[in-house]
C-alpha atoms as a PDB file:
ATOM      1  CA  MET A   1       5.471 -21.599  15.325  1.00  0.00           C
ATOM      2  CA  ASP A   2       9.195 -22.330  15.120  1.00  0.00           C
ATOM      3  CA  VAL A   3      10.511 -24.739  12.492  1.00  0.00           C
ATOM      4  CA  LEU A   4      13.746 -26.648  11.884  1.00  0.00           C
ATOM      5  CA  VAL A   5      14.327 -27.670   8.268  1.00  0.00           C
ATOM      6  CA  ILE A   6      16.901 -30.341   7.480  1.00  0.00           C
ATOM      7  CA  VAL A   7      18.052 -29.679   3.924  1.00  0.00           C
ATOM      8  CA  LYS A   8      19.537 -32.671   2.094  1.00  0.00           C
ATOM      9  CA  LEU A   9      21.867 -31.166  -0.507  1.00  0.00           C
ATOM     10  CA  LYS A  10      22.664 -32.130  -4.095  1.00  0.00           C
ATOM     11  CA  SER A  11      25.193 -29.316  -4.380  1.00  0.00           C
ATOM     12  CA  SER A  12      27.958 -28.108  -2.107  1.00  0.00           C
ATOM     13  CA  TYR A  13      26.872 -26.320   1.057  1.00  0.00           C
ATOM     14  CA  GLU A  14      28.568 -23.151  -0.213  1.00  0.00           C
ATOM     15  CA  ALA A  15      26.617 -23.154  -3.510  1.00  0.00           C
ATOM     16  CA  TRP A  16      23.349 -23.801  -1.680  1.00  0.00           C
ATOM     17  CA  TYR A  17      24.107 -21.142   0.950  1.00  0.00           C
ATOM     18  CA  GLU A  18      24.611 -18.507  -1.739  1.00  0.00           C
ATOM     19  CA  LEU A  19      21.132 -19.311  -3.099  1.00  0.00           C
ATOM     20  CA  PHE A  20      19.695 -19.324   0.452  1.00  0.00           C
ATOM     21  CA  ALA A  21      21.295 -15.988   1.369  1.00  0.00           C
ATOM     22  CA  ASP A  22      19.973 -14.357  -1.806  1.00  0.00           C
ATOM     23  CA  ASP A  23      16.396 -15.470  -0.963  1.00  0.00           C
ATOM     24  CA  GLY A  24      16.054 -13.609   2.348  1.00  0.00           C
ATOM     25  CA  GLU A  25      13.440 -11.218   1.023  1.00  0.00           C
ATOM     26  CA  ASN A  26      11.103 -14.146   0.270  1.00  0.00           C
ATOM     27  CA  ARG A  27      11.641 -15.598   3.754  1.00  0.00           C
ATOM     28  CA  THR A  28      10.488 -12.301   5.314  1.00  0.00           C
ATOM     29  CA  LYS A  29       7.041 -13.207   3.949  1.00  0.00           C
ATOM     30  CA  ILE A  30       6.883 -16.441   5.971  1.00  0.00           C
ATOM     31  CA  CYS A  31       8.939 -15.881   9.149  1.00  0.00           C
ATOM     32  CA  ASN A  32      10.959 -13.492  11.306  1.00  0.00           C
ATOM     33  CA  GLU A  33      14.004 -13.429   9.019  1.00  0.00           C
ATOM     34  CA  ASN A  34      16.060 -11.501  11.595  1.00  0.00           C
ATOM     35  CA  ARG A  35      16.047 -14.596  13.810  1.00  0.00           C
ATOM     36  CA  THR A  36      16.744 -17.172  11.072  1.00  0.00           C
ATOM     37  CA  LEU A  37      19.671 -19.492  11.867  1.00  0.00           C
ATOM     38  CA  VAL A  38      21.475 -21.539   9.236  1.00  0.00           C
ATOM     39  CA  GLY A  39      24.465 -23.841   9.359  1.00  0.00           C
ATOM     40  CA  LYS A  40      26.290 -26.737   7.775  1.00  0.00           C
ATOM     41  CA  ALA A  41      25.694 -30.070   9.508  1.00  0.00           C
ATOM     42  CA  ASP A  42      27.930 -32.097   7.172  1.00  0.00           C
ATOM     43  CA  ASN A  43      28.943 -32.146   3.499  1.00  0.00           C
ATOM     44  CA  SER A  44      25.435 -33.054   2.329  1.00  0.00           C
ATOM     45  CA  THR A  45      23.196 -31.453   4.959  1.00  0.00           C
ATOM     46  CA  ALA A  46      22.252 -27.927   6.000  1.00  0.00           C
ATOM     47  CA  LEU A  47      20.125 -26.966   8.998  1.00  0.00           C
ATOM     48  CA  VAL A  48      17.761 -23.983   8.902  1.00  0.00           C
ATOM     49  CA  THR A  49      15.860 -22.756  11.961  1.00  0.00           C
ATOM     50  CA  LEU A  50      12.958 -20.396  11.277  1.00  0.00           C
ATOM     51  CA  PHE A  51      11.063 -18.495  13.978  1.00  0.00           C
ATOM     52  CA  ASP A  52       7.514 -17.119  14.099  1.00  0.00           C
ATOM     53  CA  VAL A  53       6.607 -19.039  10.941  1.00  0.00           C
ATOM     54  CA  ASP A  54       3.319 -18.486   9.129  1.00  0.00           C
ATOM     55  CA  MET A  55       2.735 -22.170   8.373  1.00  0.00           C
ATOM     56  CA  ALA A  56       0.198 -21.564   5.583  1.00  0.00           C
ATOM     57  CA  ALA A  57       2.603 -19.171   3.844  1.00  0.00           C
ATOM     58  CA  MET A  58       5.494 -21.611   4.274  1.00  0.00           C
ATOM     59  CA  GLY A  59       3.413 -24.449   2.822  1.00  0.00           C
ATOM     60  CA  ALA A  60       2.442 -22.303  -0.150  1.00  0.00           C
ATOM     61  CA  MET A  61       6.069 -21.277  -0.757  1.00  0.00           C
ATOM     62  CA  MET A  62       7.421 -24.828  -0.519  1.00  0.00           C
ATOM     63  CA  SER A  63       4.775 -26.174  -2.904  1.00  0.00           C
ATOM     64  CA  ASP A  64       5.270 -23.357  -5.436  1.00  0.00           C
ATOM     65  CA  PRO A  65       6.688 -24.667  -8.753  1.00  0.00           C
ATOM     66  CA  GLU A  66       9.010 -21.632  -8.893  1.00  0.00           C
ATOM     67  CA  PHE A  67      10.519 -22.610  -5.528  1.00  0.00           C
ATOM     68  CA  HIS A  68      11.095 -26.150  -6.830  1.00  0.00           C
ATOM     69  CA  LYS A  69      12.655 -24.796 -10.008  1.00  0.00           C
ATOM     70  CA  MET A  70      14.945 -22.488  -8.006  1.00  0.00           C
ATOM     71  CA  THR A  71      16.147 -25.257  -5.674  1.00  0.00           C
ATOM     72  CA  GLU A  72      16.122 -28.328  -7.959  1.00  0.00           C
ATOM     73  CA  ASN A  73      19.888 -28.256  -8.670  1.00  0.00           C
ATOM     74  CA  TYR A  74      20.775 -27.650  -5.025  1.00  0.00           C
ATOM     75  CA  VAL A  75      18.331 -29.586  -2.837  1.00  0.00           C
ATOM     76  CA  GLU A  76      17.441 -33.260  -2.789  1.00  0.00           C
ATOM     77  CA  GLU A  77      14.884 -32.906   0.015  1.00  0.00           C
ATOM     78  CA  HIS A  78      13.566 -30.478   2.642  1.00  0.00           C
ATOM     79  CA  ILE A  79      12.587 -32.209   5.894  1.00  0.00           C
ATOM     80  CA  PRO A  80      10.690 -29.797   8.200  1.00  0.00           C
ATOM     81  CA  TYR A  81      10.094 -30.259  11.937  1.00  0.00           C
ATOM     82  CA  THR A  82       8.213 -28.048  14.347  1.00  0.00           C
ATOM     83  CA  LEU A  83      10.072 -26.912  17.457  1.00  0.00           C
ATOM     84  CA  THR A  84       8.640 -26.328  20.911  1.00  0.00           C
ATOM     85  CA  PRO A  85      10.797 -24.585  23.519  1.00  0.00           C
ATOM     86  CA  ILE A  86      11.128 -26.432  26.817  1.00  0.00           C
ATOM     87  CA  LYS A  87      11.350 -24.855  30.226  1.00  0.00           C
ATOM     88  CA  PRO A  88      14.593 -25.353  32.135  1.00  0.00           C
ATOM     89  CA  PRO A  89      14.397 -27.927  34.934  1.00  0.00           C
ATOM     90  CA  ALA A  90      13.214 -26.456  38.230  1.00  0.00           C
END
């Protein structure tokens, strides 16, 4: 499954991105990290697109107290959405 996560930031995008970039090894456990896309939407929002996500592993990671501790100074809220590719019009 493919997932878009809207990340509402407490910190600057740059501070959050440094934390995000340093956590790539953990993401390899839940998705195809080589395909991960990340970008700044505005001053208080980041967008993360994850591909081939193991939803049970992602749920476990996002509910882990250590994950909350790691992100508490950077993230106000993670808002995940599933993505479904659409076929081009015929």
